N, C-alpha and C. Protein backbone atom coordinates (compact mmCIF):
# COMPACT_ATOMS: atom_id res chain seq x y z
N MET A 1 38.30 159.79 124.99
CA MET A 1 39.29 158.98 123.75
C MET A 1 40.41 159.67 123.73
N VAL A 2 41.32 158.81 123.68
CA VAL A 2 42.93 158.95 123.71
C VAL A 2 43.59 158.70 122.34
N VAL A 3 43.96 159.56 121.73
CA VAL A 3 44.89 159.27 120.39
C VAL A 3 46.11 159.69 120.46
N MET A 4 46.58 158.92 119.71
CA MET A 4 48.17 158.45 120.06
C MET A 4 48.92 159.23 118.67
N LEU A 5 49.63 160.21 118.67
CA LEU A 5 49.54 160.68 117.76
C LEU A 5 51.38 160.61 117.21
N GLY A 6 51.71 160.60 116.10
CA GLY A 6 53.24 160.34 115.80
C GLY A 6 54.12 161.18 115.93
N ALA A 7 55.28 161.13 116.44
CA ALA A 7 56.05 162.00 116.88
C ALA A 7 57.04 162.54 115.47
N GLY A 8 57.11 161.53 114.18
CA GLY A 8 57.92 162.16 113.49
C GLY A 8 58.73 160.82 112.91
N ASP A 9 59.22 160.13 114.09
CA ASP A 9 60.30 159.73 114.25
C ASP A 9 60.01 158.06 114.35
N GLY A 10 58.72 157.55 114.28
CA GLY A 10 58.16 156.38 114.28
C GLY A 10 57.62 156.08 115.26
N THR A 11 58.14 157.09 116.37
CA THR A 11 57.10 156.60 117.87
C THR A 11 55.75 157.31 117.87
N LEU A 12 55.35 156.92 118.91
CA LEU A 12 53.92 157.69 119.29
C LEU A 12 54.23 158.78 120.24
N SER A 13 53.38 159.54 120.29
CA SER A 13 53.21 160.06 121.64
C SER A 13 51.74 160.20 121.97
N SER A 14 51.77 160.54 123.45
CA SER A 14 49.89 161.15 124.02
C SER A 14 50.08 162.64 124.18
N ASN A 15 49.19 163.69 123.18
CA ASN A 15 48.93 164.37 123.59
C ASN A 15 47.74 165.00 124.25
N GLY A 16 47.39 164.10 124.92
CA GLY A 16 45.88 164.17 125.48
C GLY A 16 44.81 163.59 124.99
N ALA A 17 43.70 164.00 125.60
CA ALA A 17 42.15 163.17 125.22
C ALA A 17 41.74 164.56 124.37
N PHE A 18 41.20 163.93 123.14
CA PHE A 18 40.01 164.86 122.35
C PHE A 18 38.40 164.66 122.40
N ALA A 19 37.82 165.40 122.01
CA ALA A 19 36.49 165.31 122.32
C ALA A 19 35.90 164.84 120.86
N VAL A 20 35.37 163.46 121.16
CA VAL A 20 35.13 163.19 119.89
C VAL A 20 33.67 162.58 119.96
N GLY A 21 32.79 162.92 121.39
CA GLY A 21 31.60 162.45 121.37
C GLY A 21 31.19 161.51 122.34
N GLY A 22 29.87 161.23 122.81
CA GLY A 22 30.05 160.20 124.11
C GLY A 22 30.37 158.82 123.91
N SER A 23 30.02 157.89 122.97
CA SER A 23 30.71 156.70 122.74
C SER A 23 30.82 156.63 121.04
N PRO A 24 32.07 156.82 120.74
CA PRO A 24 32.48 156.44 119.63
C PRO A 24 32.45 154.98 119.11
N GLU A 25 32.02 154.83 118.04
CA GLU A 25 31.59 153.47 117.52
C GLU A 25 32.76 153.21 116.74
N GLY A 26 32.96 153.82 115.57
CA GLY A 26 33.49 153.93 114.18
C GLY A 26 34.39 155.16 113.81
N VAL A 27 35.55 154.40 113.30
CA VAL A 27 36.55 155.30 112.94
C VAL A 27 36.88 155.30 111.35
N ALA A 28 37.26 156.51 111.20
CA ALA A 28 37.41 156.70 109.44
C ALA A 28 38.81 157.61 109.19
N SER A 29 39.72 157.48 108.71
CA SER A 29 40.43 158.26 108.36
C SER A 29 41.02 158.56 106.68
N GLY A 30 41.36 159.82 106.49
CA GLY A 30 41.28 160.49 105.31
C GLY A 30 41.69 161.69 105.21
N ASP A 31 42.15 162.49 104.17
CA ASP A 31 42.58 163.49 104.16
C ASP A 31 41.17 164.47 103.52
N PHE A 32 40.57 164.61 104.71
CA PHE A 32 39.39 165.48 104.36
C PHE A 32 38.87 166.94 104.08
N ASN A 33 39.96 167.82 104.38
CA ASN A 33 40.32 169.26 104.12
C ASN A 33 41.69 169.07 103.16
N GLU A 34 42.32 168.20 102.33
CA GLU A 34 43.08 168.56 101.37
C GLU A 34 44.35 169.23 101.98
N ASP A 35 44.71 168.80 102.95
CA ASP A 35 46.10 169.55 103.21
C ASP A 35 47.16 168.81 103.64
N GLY A 36 47.02 167.53 102.89
CA GLY A 36 48.19 166.65 102.86
C GLY A 36 48.64 165.84 104.23
N ALA A 37 47.78 166.04 105.08
CA ALA A 37 47.73 165.40 106.67
C ALA A 37 46.57 164.48 106.58
N ILE A 38 46.47 163.13 107.25
CA ILE A 38 45.50 162.25 107.56
C ILE A 38 44.64 162.74 108.89
N ASP A 39 43.77 162.95 108.86
CA ASP A 39 42.66 163.57 109.49
C ASP A 39 41.61 162.05 109.99
N LEU A 40 40.93 162.64 111.27
CA LEU A 40 40.21 161.65 112.13
C LEU A 40 38.81 161.46 111.78
N ALA A 41 37.77 160.69 111.78
CA ALA A 41 36.33 161.41 111.80
C ALA A 41 36.08 159.79 112.50
N PHE A 42 35.27 160.46 113.76
CA PHE A 42 34.46 159.20 114.37
C PHE A 42 33.19 159.30 114.35
N THR A 43 32.33 158.33 114.54
CA THR A 43 30.92 158.01 114.47
C THR A 43 30.78 157.92 116.03
N ASN A 44 29.54 158.35 116.46
CA ASN A 44 28.59 158.31 117.69
C ASN A 44 27.48 157.69 118.04
N ARG A 45 27.50 156.46 118.46
CA ARG A 45 26.07 155.76 118.45
C ARG A 45 24.99 156.44 119.06
N THR A 46 25.06 156.89 120.34
CA THR A 46 24.05 157.64 121.21
C THR A 46 23.65 158.51 120.70
N ASP A 47 24.64 159.41 119.92
CA ASP A 47 23.53 160.86 119.58
C ASP A 47 23.85 160.82 118.16
N ASP A 48 24.32 160.40 117.31
CA ASP A 48 24.21 159.99 116.19
C ASP A 48 24.60 161.32 115.57
N THR A 49 26.18 161.34 115.91
CA THR A 49 26.89 162.93 115.39
C THR A 49 28.25 161.96 114.70
N VAL A 50 28.89 162.81 114.10
CA VAL A 50 30.35 162.37 113.29
C VAL A 50 31.49 163.67 114.04
N ALA A 51 32.07 163.29 114.47
CA ALA A 51 33.64 164.12 114.94
C ALA A 51 34.67 164.02 114.38
N VAL A 52 35.29 165.08 114.07
CA VAL A 52 36.09 165.34 112.85
C VAL A 52 37.15 165.79 113.63
N LEU A 53 38.52 165.52 113.60
CA LEU A 53 39.67 165.75 114.16
C LEU A 53 40.36 165.88 112.97
N LEU A 54 40.98 167.17 112.50
CA LEU A 54 41.77 167.76 111.41
C LEU A 54 43.42 167.86 111.96
N ALA A 55 44.10 167.35 111.38
CA ALA A 55 45.69 167.07 111.67
C ALA A 55 46.06 168.43 111.37
N ASN A 56 47.07 168.84 112.36
CA ASN A 56 47.79 169.73 112.28
C ASN A 56 49.35 169.39 111.84
N PRO A 57 49.03 169.74 110.28
CA PRO A 57 50.42 169.16 109.51
C PRO A 57 51.56 170.09 109.40
N VAL A 58 52.39 169.62 110.43
CA VAL A 58 53.47 170.24 110.52
C VAL A 58 54.74 169.60 109.71
N ARG A 59 55.93 170.23 108.75
CA ARG A 59 56.62 170.18 107.89
C ARG A 59 57.82 169.89 108.97
N VAL A 60 58.44 169.00 109.33
CA VAL A 60 59.79 168.80 109.90
C VAL A 60 60.97 168.63 109.10
N THR A 61 61.71 169.46 109.06
CA THR A 61 62.74 169.09 108.04
C THR A 61 64.00 168.27 109.01
N THR A 62 64.94 167.68 108.66
CA THR A 62 65.90 166.70 109.34
C THR A 62 67.34 167.64 109.39
N THR A 63 67.31 168.45 108.28
CA THR A 63 68.80 169.07 107.87
C THR A 63 68.77 170.33 108.72
N PRO A 64 69.74 170.65 109.86
CA PRO A 64 69.44 172.23 110.71
C PRO A 64 70.06 172.87 109.80
N TYR A 65 69.74 173.97 110.65
CA TYR A 65 70.13 175.36 109.84
C TYR A 65 71.87 175.14 110.07
N LEU A 66 72.41 175.99 108.73
CA LEU A 66 73.64 175.58 108.76
C LEU A 66 74.26 176.97 108.48
N ASN A 67 75.38 177.31 109.25
CA ASN A 67 75.75 178.42 109.81
C ASN A 67 77.22 178.56 108.50
N PHE A 68 77.41 179.20 107.54
CA PHE A 68 78.81 180.03 106.63
C PHE A 68 79.20 180.93 107.10
N MET A 69 79.52 181.63 108.02
CA MET A 69 79.57 182.86 108.57
C MET A 69 81.28 182.97 108.66
N SER A 70 82.11 181.42 109.12
CA SER A 70 83.13 181.53 109.21
C SER A 70 83.77 180.31 108.72
N GLN A 71 85.11 180.45 108.51
CA GLN A 71 85.63 178.90 107.21
C GLN A 71 85.20 177.99 108.66
N GLU A 72 85.66 178.00 109.85
CA GLU A 72 85.43 176.78 110.61
C GLU A 72 83.69 175.83 110.41
N SER A 73 83.29 176.86 110.53
CA SER A 73 81.70 176.43 110.48
C SER A 73 81.43 175.96 109.10
N ALA A 74 81.68 176.11 108.18
CA ALA A 74 81.56 175.88 106.72
C ALA A 74 82.06 174.75 106.69
N ARG A 75 83.39 174.17 107.32
CA ARG A 75 83.74 173.14 107.38
C ARG A 75 83.14 171.88 108.08
N ASN A 76 82.54 172.49 109.16
CA ASN A 76 81.55 171.74 110.19
C ASN A 76 80.26 171.46 109.17
N ALA A 77 80.14 172.10 108.47
CA ALA A 77 78.62 172.02 107.42
C ALA A 77 79.02 170.69 106.54
N ILE A 78 80.06 170.55 105.93
CA ILE A 78 80.40 169.85 105.15
C ILE A 78 79.90 168.50 105.00
N PRO A 79 79.98 167.58 106.20
CA PRO A 79 79.22 166.38 106.61
C PRO A 79 77.90 166.41 106.33
N GLN A 80 77.20 167.29 106.97
CA GLN A 80 75.95 167.48 107.13
C GLN A 80 75.32 167.48 105.67
N LEU A 81 76.17 168.60 104.67
CA LEU A 81 75.81 168.34 103.44
C LEU A 81 75.94 167.15 102.76
N LYS A 82 76.88 166.38 102.82
CA LYS A 82 77.22 165.16 102.10
C LYS A 82 76.02 164.44 102.36
N GLY A 83 75.73 164.20 103.84
CA GLY A 83 74.74 162.99 104.26
C GLY A 83 73.37 163.70 103.81
N THR A 84 73.44 164.95 103.27
CA THR A 84 72.07 165.16 102.76
C THR A 84 71.92 164.84 101.11
N LEU A 85 73.06 165.21 100.41
CA LEU A 85 73.31 165.06 99.10
C LEU A 85 73.26 163.51 98.86
N GLU A 86 73.69 162.08 100.03
CA GLU A 86 73.19 161.22 99.99
C GLU A 86 72.39 160.72 99.92
N ARG A 87 71.35 161.15 100.75
CA ARG A 87 69.93 161.06 101.02
C ARG A 87 68.97 161.27 99.77
N ILE A 88 69.34 162.40 99.26
CA ILE A 88 68.86 162.93 98.06
C ILE A 88 69.03 161.94 97.15
N THR A 89 70.28 161.67 96.92
CA THR A 89 70.46 161.04 95.86
C THR A 89 69.97 159.18 95.81
N THR A 90 69.70 159.07 96.92
CA THR A 90 69.22 157.62 97.01
C THR A 90 67.93 157.55 96.97
N GLU A 91 67.02 158.89 97.55
CA GLU A 91 65.63 159.08 96.80
C GLU A 91 65.75 159.35 95.57
N VAL A 92 66.11 159.65 94.66
CA VAL A 92 66.46 160.16 92.87
C VAL A 92 66.69 158.40 92.65
N GLY A 93 67.17 157.91 93.49
CA GLY A 93 67.50 156.59 92.54
C GLY A 93 66.27 155.23 92.68
N ALA A 94 65.68 155.65 93.99
CA ALA A 94 64.60 154.84 94.16
C ALA A 94 63.38 155.47 93.44
N ILE A 95 63.08 156.61 93.03
CA ILE A 95 62.18 157.24 92.17
C ILE A 95 62.58 156.67 90.23
N GLY A 96 63.63 157.11 90.32
CA GLY A 96 63.99 156.44 89.07
C GLY A 96 63.93 154.73 88.75
N ALA A 97 64.20 154.40 89.76
CA ALA A 97 63.76 152.67 89.73
C ALA A 97 62.15 152.33 89.73
N ILE A 98 61.60 153.32 90.29
CA ILE A 98 60.07 153.24 90.20
C ILE A 98 59.64 153.69 88.51
N GLU A 99 59.99 154.80 88.09
CA GLU A 99 59.99 155.23 86.96
C GLU A 99 60.59 154.25 85.69
N SER A 100 61.29 153.55 86.03
CA SER A 100 61.49 152.39 84.98
C SER A 100 60.69 151.38 85.15
N ARG A 101 60.24 151.13 86.48
CA ARG A 101 59.02 149.84 86.30
C ARG A 101 57.74 150.54 85.62
N LEU A 102 57.48 151.56 86.04
CA LEU A 102 56.33 152.05 85.33
C LEU A 102 56.19 152.21 83.60
N GLY A 103 58.04 152.49 83.42
CA GLY A 103 57.93 152.34 81.88
C GLY A 103 58.17 151.07 81.34
N THR A 104 58.42 150.38 82.01
CA THR A 104 58.26 148.53 81.49
C THR A 104 56.92 148.35 81.32
N ALA A 105 56.07 148.40 82.33
CA ALA A 105 54.87 147.92 82.50
C ALA A 105 53.68 148.99 81.08
N LEU A 106 54.56 149.99 80.97
CA LEU A 106 53.58 150.87 79.73
C LEU A 106 54.05 150.48 78.72
N GLN A 107 55.69 149.66 78.36
CA GLN A 107 55.55 149.18 76.94
C GLN A 107 55.03 147.54 77.29
N VAL A 108 54.76 146.79 78.07
CA VAL A 108 54.07 145.63 78.31
C VAL A 108 52.96 145.76 77.77
N LEU A 109 52.09 146.70 78.29
CA LEU A 109 50.64 147.13 78.24
C LEU A 109 50.66 147.85 76.57
N SER A 110 51.50 148.15 75.92
CA SER A 110 51.33 148.97 74.48
C SER A 110 51.56 147.65 73.83
N ALA A 111 52.51 146.86 73.81
CA ALA A 111 52.84 145.63 73.14
C ALA A 111 51.66 144.89 73.06
N ALA A 112 50.89 144.84 74.26
CA ALA A 112 49.76 143.69 74.10
C ALA A 112 48.39 144.68 73.64
N ARG A 113 48.39 145.81 73.63
CA ARG A 113 47.38 146.71 72.80
C ARG A 113 47.57 146.58 71.35
N ASN A 114 48.76 146.56 71.21
CA ASN A 114 49.44 146.27 69.44
C ASN A 114 49.07 145.10 69.12
N ASN A 115 48.97 144.16 69.86
CA ASN A 115 49.01 142.54 69.74
C ASN A 115 47.45 142.48 69.65
N PHE A 116 46.76 142.81 70.05
CA PHE A 116 45.29 142.63 70.20
C PHE A 116 44.60 143.45 69.17
N GLN A 117 45.09 144.68 68.63
CA GLN A 117 44.56 145.49 67.57
C GLN A 117 44.91 144.66 66.49
N ALA A 118 46.12 144.30 66.13
CA ALA A 118 46.30 143.22 64.99
C ALA A 118 45.62 141.88 64.75
N ALA A 119 45.49 141.31 65.90
CA ALA A 119 44.38 140.20 65.90
C ALA A 119 42.90 140.81 65.51
N GLU A 120 42.51 141.86 66.32
CA GLU A 120 41.39 142.07 65.76
C GLU A 120 41.22 142.28 64.17
N SER A 121 42.34 143.28 63.63
CA SER A 121 42.33 143.49 62.09
C SER A 121 42.39 142.06 61.32
N ARG A 122 43.20 141.08 61.84
CA ARG A 122 43.36 139.84 61.20
C ARG A 122 41.50 139.19 60.84
N ILE A 123 40.97 139.29 62.35
CA ILE A 123 39.59 138.74 62.21
C ILE A 123 38.90 139.01 61.26
N ARG A 124 38.87 141.03 61.23
CA ARG A 124 38.03 141.52 60.58
C ARG A 124 38.28 141.15 59.10
N ASP A 125 39.57 140.94 58.46
CA ASP A 125 39.70 141.23 57.61
C ASP A 125 39.73 139.25 57.17
N ALA A 126 39.58 138.50 57.86
CA ALA A 126 39.22 137.01 57.59
C ALA A 126 37.46 136.87 56.99
N ASP A 127 36.92 137.67 58.08
CA ASP A 127 35.47 137.80 58.02
C ASP A 127 35.24 138.46 56.67
N ILE A 128 35.67 139.73 56.14
CA ILE A 128 35.58 140.23 54.78
C ILE A 128 36.14 139.37 53.56
N ALA A 129 37.10 138.52 53.74
CA ALA A 129 37.46 137.91 52.54
C ALA A 129 36.32 136.46 52.57
N GLU A 130 35.89 136.07 53.85
CA GLU A 130 34.97 135.03 53.53
C GLU A 130 33.41 135.24 52.78
N GLU A 131 33.23 136.58 53.09
CA GLU A 131 32.05 137.33 52.96
C GLU A 131 32.17 137.45 51.63
N SER A 132 33.28 138.04 51.09
CA SER A 132 33.45 138.34 49.50
C SER A 132 33.54 137.20 48.72
N SER A 133 34.12 136.31 48.87
CA SER A 133 34.20 135.22 48.39
C SER A 133 32.90 134.22 48.14
N ARG A 134 31.67 134.22 49.47
CA ARG A 134 30.47 134.21 49.24
C ARG A 134 29.90 134.86 48.76
N LEU A 135 29.83 136.10 48.14
CA LEU A 135 29.25 137.05 47.17
C LEU A 135 29.72 136.76 46.00
N THR A 136 30.76 136.60 45.52
CA THR A 136 30.83 136.11 44.13
C THR A 136 30.45 134.85 44.16
N ARG A 137 30.60 133.71 44.91
CA ARG A 137 29.72 132.42 44.49
C ARG A 137 28.45 132.67 44.02
N LEU A 138 27.72 133.68 45.05
CA LEU A 138 26.28 133.44 44.82
C LEU A 138 26.01 134.43 43.40
N ASN A 139 27.16 135.08 43.39
CA ASN A 139 26.99 135.95 41.74
C ASN A 139 27.10 135.34 40.75
N ILE A 140 28.09 134.18 40.60
CA ILE A 140 28.27 133.16 39.75
C ILE A 140 26.99 132.49 39.36
N LEU A 141 26.72 132.13 40.63
CA LEU A 141 25.49 130.94 40.37
C LEU A 141 24.20 131.85 40.12
N GLN A 142 24.01 132.95 40.47
CA GLN A 142 22.63 134.08 39.53
C GLN A 142 23.17 133.97 38.31
N GLN A 143 24.12 134.42 37.76
CA GLN A 143 24.16 134.69 36.51
C GLN A 143 24.26 133.47 35.70
N ALA A 144 24.28 132.37 36.24
CA ALA A 144 24.46 131.03 35.57
C ALA A 144 23.17 130.72 35.30
N ALA A 145 22.22 130.63 36.59
CA ALA A 145 20.79 130.83 36.31
C ALA A 145 20.12 131.52 35.29
N LEU A 146 20.62 132.61 35.22
CA LEU A 146 19.68 133.68 34.65
C LEU A 146 20.11 133.09 32.93
N SER A 147 21.51 132.87 32.78
CA SER A 147 21.88 132.60 31.47
C SER A 147 21.45 130.99 30.88
N GLY A 148 20.71 130.34 31.75
CA GLY A 148 20.01 129.15 31.37
C GLY A 148 21.05 127.99 31.40
N PHE A 149 22.35 128.26 32.00
CA PHE A 149 22.98 127.09 32.06
C PHE A 149 22.76 125.75 33.16
N PHE A 150 22.01 126.18 33.89
CA PHE A 150 21.04 125.29 35.14
C PHE A 150 19.64 125.23 34.72
N SER A 151 19.14 124.39 34.40
CA SER A 151 17.74 124.48 34.57
C SER A 151 17.03 124.23 35.90
N ILE A 152 15.79 124.91 35.86
CA ILE A 152 15.42 125.18 37.61
C ILE A 152 14.10 124.41 37.41
C-alpha cells in the first residue's frame, strides 16, 4: 500500500510504502490519538486485522526567522512583518465574519424561541379562560338547580 502524504503546500509526496497488512480492504480517517493530525486505519480481509498509521504532526511556520542584529537586516524584515500582519488581519476579519454570522443565527433562534414561548403562553391562557368560563357556567347551573329555579 502506498500512501501519499501532504507536503503542506497543497501537493502530495510519496514517502514510501507503509505496512498495513496483506489485503487492505477498508480505510477510515480520524484523529485517533487526539494530537490534531489526521490518522489512518486500514482493515484487512484476509487476516481480520486493523492497521493504524498515526500521523506525525509537524508544525510548519511560513514566517522565516528574522534577524534584527543590524539596521539593514531590521529594514529587510519589515516587508516580511507587513506580510505576516496582513495575513493575520485577513484571518481576524474572516473569524469576525464567522462570529457575526453565528451571532445573527443566535439572535434569529432566540427570537423564534421567544415567539414559541409566547404562543404557548397564549394557548395556555386561552385554555384556562375557557375552562374558567365552563366552571362558572356549571356553578351557576348547579346553584340554580339547588335553589329550585329549574324544576327537575
